[in-house]
N, C-alpha and C. Protein backbone atom coordinates (compact mmCIF):
# COMPACT_ATOMS: atom_id res chain seq x y z
N UNK A 1 68.88 65.28 92.65
CA UNK A 1 68.30 66.31 91.81
C UNK A 1 67.94 65.73 90.45
N UNK A 2 66.74 65.96 90.01
CA UNK A 2 66.30 65.51 88.70
C UNK A 2 66.73 66.54 87.66
N UNK A 3 67.29 66.05 86.56
CA UNK A 3 67.72 66.93 85.48
C UNK A 3 66.91 66.58 84.24
N UNK A 4 66.29 67.60 83.66
CA UNK A 4 65.57 67.43 82.40
C UNK A 4 66.39 68.11 81.32
N UNK A 5 66.75 67.33 80.30
CA UNK A 5 67.57 67.82 79.20
C UNK A 5 66.71 67.85 77.94
N UNK A 6 66.74 68.97 77.26
CA UNK A 6 66.01 69.10 75.99
C UNK A 6 66.99 69.58 74.95
N UNK A 7 67.09 68.82 73.86
CA UNK A 7 67.94 69.21 72.74
C UNK A 7 67.01 69.58 71.59
N UNK A 8 67.20 70.77 71.04
CA UNK A 8 66.43 71.19 69.87
C UNK A 8 67.36 71.04 68.68
N UNK A 9 66.90 70.27 67.69
CA UNK A 9 67.73 69.88 66.56
C UNK A 9 67.01 70.13 65.24
N UNK A 10 67.79 70.31 64.21
CA UNK A 10 67.22 70.31 62.86
C UNK A 10 67.08 68.87 62.41
N UNK A 11 66.34 68.66 61.33
CA UNK A 11 66.17 67.31 60.79
C UNK A 11 66.63 67.33 59.34
N UNK A 12 67.61 66.54 58.96
CA UNK A 12 68.41 65.65 59.79
C UNK A 12 69.41 66.46 60.63
N UNK A 13 69.83 65.89 61.76
CA UNK A 13 70.77 66.61 62.63
C UNK A 13 72.10 66.85 61.92
N UNK A 14 72.65 68.02 62.16
CA UNK A 14 73.97 68.37 61.64
C UNK A 14 75.01 68.27 62.75
N UNK A 15 76.12 68.96 62.58
CA UNK A 15 77.25 68.87 63.51
C UNK A 15 76.92 69.21 64.95
N UNK A 16 76.50 70.46 65.22
CA UNK A 16 76.22 70.85 66.60
C UNK A 16 74.99 70.12 67.14
N UNK A 17 73.98 69.90 66.31
CA UNK A 17 72.79 69.17 66.76
C UNK A 17 73.17 67.76 67.21
N UNK A 18 74.02 67.10 66.45
CA UNK A 18 74.48 65.76 66.81
C UNK A 18 75.32 65.81 68.08
N UNK A 19 76.17 66.82 68.20
CA UNK A 19 77.00 66.98 69.40
C UNK A 19 76.12 67.15 70.63
N UNK A 20 75.14 68.02 70.56
CA UNK A 20 74.28 68.29 71.72
C UNK A 20 73.46 67.06 72.08
N UNK A 21 73.03 66.29 71.08
CA UNK A 21 72.33 65.04 71.36
C UNK A 21 73.27 64.06 72.06
N UNK A 22 74.55 64.07 71.67
CA UNK A 22 75.55 63.23 72.34
C UNK A 22 75.73 63.64 73.80
N UNK A 23 75.76 64.96 74.04
CA UNK A 23 75.83 65.43 75.42
C UNK A 23 74.62 64.94 76.22
N UNK A 24 73.44 65.01 75.61
CA UNK A 24 72.22 64.56 76.30
C UNK A 24 72.31 63.08 76.65
N UNK A 25 72.85 62.27 75.73
CA UNK A 25 73.02 60.83 76.01
C UNK A 25 73.93 60.62 77.21
N UNK A 26 75.02 61.38 77.27
CA UNK A 26 75.96 61.27 78.40
C UNK A 26 75.25 61.66 79.70
N UNK A 27 74.49 62.74 79.67
CA UNK A 27 73.79 63.19 80.87
C UNK A 27 72.74 62.17 81.31
N UNK A 28 72.12 61.53 80.34
CA UNK A 28 71.14 60.49 80.65
C UNK A 28 71.80 59.31 81.37
N UNK A 29 72.98 58.92 80.88
CA UNK A 29 73.68 57.78 81.50
C UNK A 29 74.28 58.14 82.85
N UNK A 30 74.93 59.30 82.94
CA UNK A 30 75.68 59.64 84.15
C UNK A 30 74.82 60.23 85.27
N UNK A 31 73.80 60.97 84.90
CA UNK A 31 72.99 61.63 85.91
C UNK A 31 71.57 61.07 85.97
N UNK A 32 71.30 60.07 85.13
CA UNK A 32 69.95 59.54 85.01
C UNK A 32 68.97 60.65 84.65
N UNK A 33 69.45 61.56 83.79
CA UNK A 33 68.64 62.69 83.35
C UNK A 33 67.51 62.20 82.45
N UNK A 34 66.46 62.97 82.41
CA UNK A 34 65.35 62.74 81.51
C UNK A 34 65.63 63.57 80.27
N UNK A 35 66.03 62.92 79.18
CA UNK A 35 66.43 63.65 77.97
C UNK A 35 65.41 63.48 76.86
N UNK A 36 65.20 64.57 76.11
CA UNK A 36 64.33 64.51 74.95
C UNK A 36 64.98 65.26 73.79
N UNK A 37 64.71 64.78 72.59
CA UNK A 37 65.19 65.40 71.36
C UNK A 37 63.97 65.94 70.64
N UNK A 38 63.97 67.23 70.36
CA UNK A 38 62.86 67.90 69.69
C UNK A 38 63.38 68.43 68.36
N UNK A 39 62.64 68.17 67.29
CA UNK A 39 63.04 68.68 65.98
C UNK A 39 62.31 69.98 65.69
N UNK A 40 63.03 70.92 65.10
CA UNK A 40 62.48 72.23 64.79
C UNK A 40 63.02 72.71 63.45
N UNK A 41 62.23 73.51 62.78
CA UNK A 41 62.68 74.15 61.54
C UNK A 41 63.20 75.56 61.81
N UNK A 42 63.13 75.99 63.06
CA UNK A 42 63.54 77.34 63.44
C UNK A 42 65.01 77.36 63.84
N UNK A 43 65.76 78.17 63.13
CA UNK A 43 67.18 78.33 63.47
C UNK A 43 67.29 79.44 64.52
N UNK A 44 67.74 79.09 65.71
CA UNK A 44 67.93 80.06 66.80
C UNK A 44 68.92 79.43 67.77
N UNK A 45 70.19 79.44 67.38
CA UNK A 45 71.22 78.78 68.18
C UNK A 45 71.19 79.27 69.63
N UNK A 46 71.12 78.30 70.53
CA UNK A 46 71.17 78.52 71.97
C UNK A 46 69.98 79.33 72.46
N UNK A 47 68.87 79.18 71.73
CA UNK A 47 67.62 79.84 72.11
C UNK A 47 66.46 78.88 71.88
N UNK A 48 65.39 79.37 71.30
CA UNK A 48 64.18 78.57 71.11
C UNK A 48 64.25 77.62 69.92
N UNK A 49 65.27 77.74 69.09
CA UNK A 49 65.40 76.87 67.91
C UNK A 49 66.65 76.04 67.97
N UNK A 50 67.04 75.53 66.81
CA UNK A 50 68.23 74.66 66.75
C UNK A 50 69.46 75.46 66.43
N UNK A 51 70.63 74.98 66.80
CA UNK A 51 70.91 73.94 67.78
C UNK A 51 70.92 74.53 69.18
N UNK A 52 70.30 73.84 70.10
CA UNK A 52 70.34 74.29 71.48
C UNK A 52 70.16 73.12 72.44
N UNK A 53 70.68 73.31 73.64
CA UNK A 53 70.57 72.33 74.70
C UNK A 53 70.05 73.07 75.93
N UNK A 54 68.98 72.52 76.50
CA UNK A 54 68.32 73.13 77.65
C UNK A 54 68.47 72.21 78.86
N UNK A 55 68.69 72.80 80.02
CA UNK A 55 68.75 72.07 81.28
C UNK A 55 67.68 72.63 82.20
N UNK A 56 66.71 71.81 82.54
CA UNK A 56 65.63 72.22 83.44
C UNK A 56 65.00 73.55 83.01
N UNK A 57 64.76 73.68 81.71
CA UNK A 57 64.05 74.86 81.20
C UNK A 57 64.91 76.07 80.89
N UNK A 58 66.22 75.96 81.03
CA UNK A 58 67.12 77.08 80.74
C UNK A 58 68.10 76.68 79.63
N UNK A 59 68.15 77.50 78.59
CA UNK A 59 69.09 77.24 77.49
C UNK A 59 70.51 77.47 77.97
N UNK A 60 71.39 76.51 77.71
CA UNK A 60 72.81 76.64 78.07
C UNK A 60 73.47 77.50 77.00
N UNK A 61 74.25 78.47 77.45
CA UNK A 61 74.93 79.40 76.54
C UNK A 61 76.41 79.07 76.44
N UNK A 62 76.94 79.04 75.22
CA UNK A 62 78.37 78.76 75.06
C UNK A 62 79.23 79.96 75.44
N UNK A 63 80.32 79.71 76.13
CA UNK A 63 81.23 80.78 76.54
C UNK A 63 81.81 81.51 75.33
N UNK A 64 82.03 80.76 74.22
CA UNK A 64 82.60 81.39 73.03
C UNK A 64 81.53 81.96 72.10
N UNK A 65 80.26 81.79 72.46
CA UNK A 65 79.16 82.31 71.65
C UNK A 65 78.82 81.47 70.44
N UNK A 66 79.50 80.33 70.25
CA UNK A 66 79.30 79.54 69.03
C UNK A 66 78.88 78.10 69.31
N UNK A 67 79.69 77.39 70.11
CA UNK A 67 79.46 75.96 70.30
C UNK A 67 79.59 75.60 71.77
N UNK A 68 78.67 74.76 72.24
CA UNK A 68 78.73 74.32 73.63
C UNK A 68 79.88 73.34 73.82
N UNK A 69 80.68 73.63 74.81
CA UNK A 69 81.77 72.76 75.18
C UNK A 69 81.39 72.06 76.49
N UNK A 70 82.09 70.98 76.85
CA UNK A 70 81.78 70.31 78.11
C UNK A 70 81.76 71.26 79.32
N UNK A 71 82.66 72.23 79.36
CA UNK A 71 82.70 73.18 80.47
C UNK A 71 81.41 74.01 80.54
N UNK A 72 80.81 74.31 79.38
CA UNK A 72 79.56 75.06 79.36
C UNK A 72 78.42 74.24 79.95
N UNK A 73 78.39 72.96 79.60
CA UNK A 73 77.36 72.06 80.13
C UNK A 73 77.52 71.93 81.65
N UNK A 74 78.76 71.76 82.10
CA UNK A 74 79.02 71.67 83.54
C UNK A 74 78.62 72.95 84.26
N UNK A 75 78.91 74.09 83.65
CA UNK A 75 78.52 75.38 84.25
C UNK A 75 77.00 75.48 84.34
N UNK A 76 76.31 75.00 83.32
CA UNK A 76 74.85 75.01 83.34
C UNK A 76 74.30 74.13 84.45
N UNK A 77 74.90 72.98 84.64
CA UNK A 77 74.47 72.07 85.71
C UNK A 77 74.76 72.67 87.09
N UNK A 78 75.90 73.31 87.23
CA UNK A 78 76.26 73.94 88.50
C UNK A 78 75.27 75.08 88.80
N UNK A 79 74.92 75.85 87.78
CA UNK A 79 73.95 76.93 87.96
C UNK A 79 72.58 76.40 88.37
N UNK A 80 72.30 75.14 88.01
CA UNK A 80 71.04 74.50 88.38
C UNK A 80 71.09 73.91 89.79
N UNK A 81 72.26 73.99 90.43
CA UNK A 81 72.39 73.51 91.81
C UNK A 81 73.00 72.12 91.94
N UNK A 82 73.55 71.59 90.86
CA UNK A 82 74.19 70.27 90.91
C UNK A 82 75.49 70.37 91.71
N UNK A 83 75.73 69.42 92.57
CA UNK A 83 76.92 69.43 93.42
C UNK A 83 78.15 68.93 92.66
N UNK A 84 79.31 69.34 93.14
CA UNK A 84 80.57 68.86 92.54
C UNK A 84 80.66 67.35 92.60
N UNK A 85 80.21 66.79 93.71
CA UNK A 85 80.25 65.34 93.88
C UNK A 85 79.43 64.63 92.79
N UNK A 86 78.28 65.17 92.46
CA UNK A 86 77.42 64.57 91.44
C UNK A 86 78.03 64.69 90.05
N UNK A 87 78.93 65.66 89.87
CA UNK A 87 79.52 65.91 88.55
C UNK A 87 80.84 65.17 88.33
N UNK A 88 81.31 64.42 89.33
CA UNK A 88 82.58 63.70 89.19
C UNK A 88 82.56 62.79 87.96
N UNK A 89 83.58 62.91 87.14
CA UNK A 89 83.72 62.07 85.96
C UNK A 89 82.92 62.53 84.77
N UNK A 90 82.05 63.51 84.96
CA UNK A 90 81.18 63.95 83.87
C UNK A 90 81.95 64.72 82.80
N UNK A 91 82.91 65.53 83.19
CA UNK A 91 83.68 66.31 82.21
C UNK A 91 84.35 65.40 81.20
N UNK A 92 84.96 64.35 81.68
CA UNK A 92 85.62 63.40 80.78
C UNK A 92 84.62 62.70 79.87
N UNK A 93 83.48 62.33 80.41
CA UNK A 93 82.45 61.65 79.61
C UNK A 93 81.90 62.56 78.53
N UNK A 94 81.77 63.85 78.83
CA UNK A 94 81.27 64.80 77.84
C UNK A 94 82.26 65.07 76.71
N UNK A 95 83.52 64.74 76.94
CA UNK A 95 84.54 64.92 75.89
C UNK A 95 84.33 63.93 74.73
N UNK A 96 83.76 62.76 75.00
CA UNK A 96 83.61 61.73 73.96
C UNK A 96 82.76 62.22 72.77
N UNK A 97 81.57 62.80 72.98
CA UNK A 97 80.82 63.29 71.82
C UNK A 97 81.55 64.41 71.08
N UNK A 98 82.26 65.25 71.83
CA UNK A 98 83.02 66.33 71.19
C UNK A 98 84.13 65.74 70.33
N UNK A 99 84.85 64.76 70.86
CA UNK A 99 85.92 64.11 70.09
C UNK A 99 85.37 63.47 68.82
N UNK A 100 84.21 62.81 68.92
CA UNK A 100 83.60 62.19 67.73
C UNK A 100 83.28 63.24 66.67
N UNK A 101 82.72 64.37 67.10
CA UNK A 101 82.38 65.41 66.15
C UNK A 101 83.63 65.98 65.48
N UNK A 102 84.68 66.20 66.27
CA UNK A 102 85.91 66.75 65.71
C UNK A 102 86.57 65.78 64.73
N UNK A 103 86.49 64.48 65.01
CA UNK A 103 87.03 63.47 64.10
C UNK A 103 86.27 63.48 62.78
N UNK A 104 84.96 63.62 62.83
CA UNK A 104 84.14 63.63 61.62
C UNK A 104 84.39 64.88 60.80
N UNK A 105 84.63 66.01 61.48
CA UNK A 105 84.86 67.29 60.80
C UNK A 105 86.27 67.34 60.21
N UNK A 106 87.20 66.65 60.87
CA UNK A 106 88.61 66.73 60.49
C UNK A 106 88.91 65.88 59.34
């Protein structure tokens, strides 16, 4: 299955924008996804503006309504029809960008 990842970010990227770009990098490496980073001046979290992460044309929504966590990205991939086998090891890999962001914020 081909996965197209689109991250909408502000310029310069801030916390969540950087996190979502990190998720896209992980998806590119692990799933050979086609990832793109688009800059926007429109603030519309998890919608048409920044910060947002899209999988195959669908914006991924955070379970907590604020920030995408690895589980949200995995849920988005599963909703797109990705198999459990294809997702092996991805949860752990998605933790790395989150850990980096938390270290910078802390």
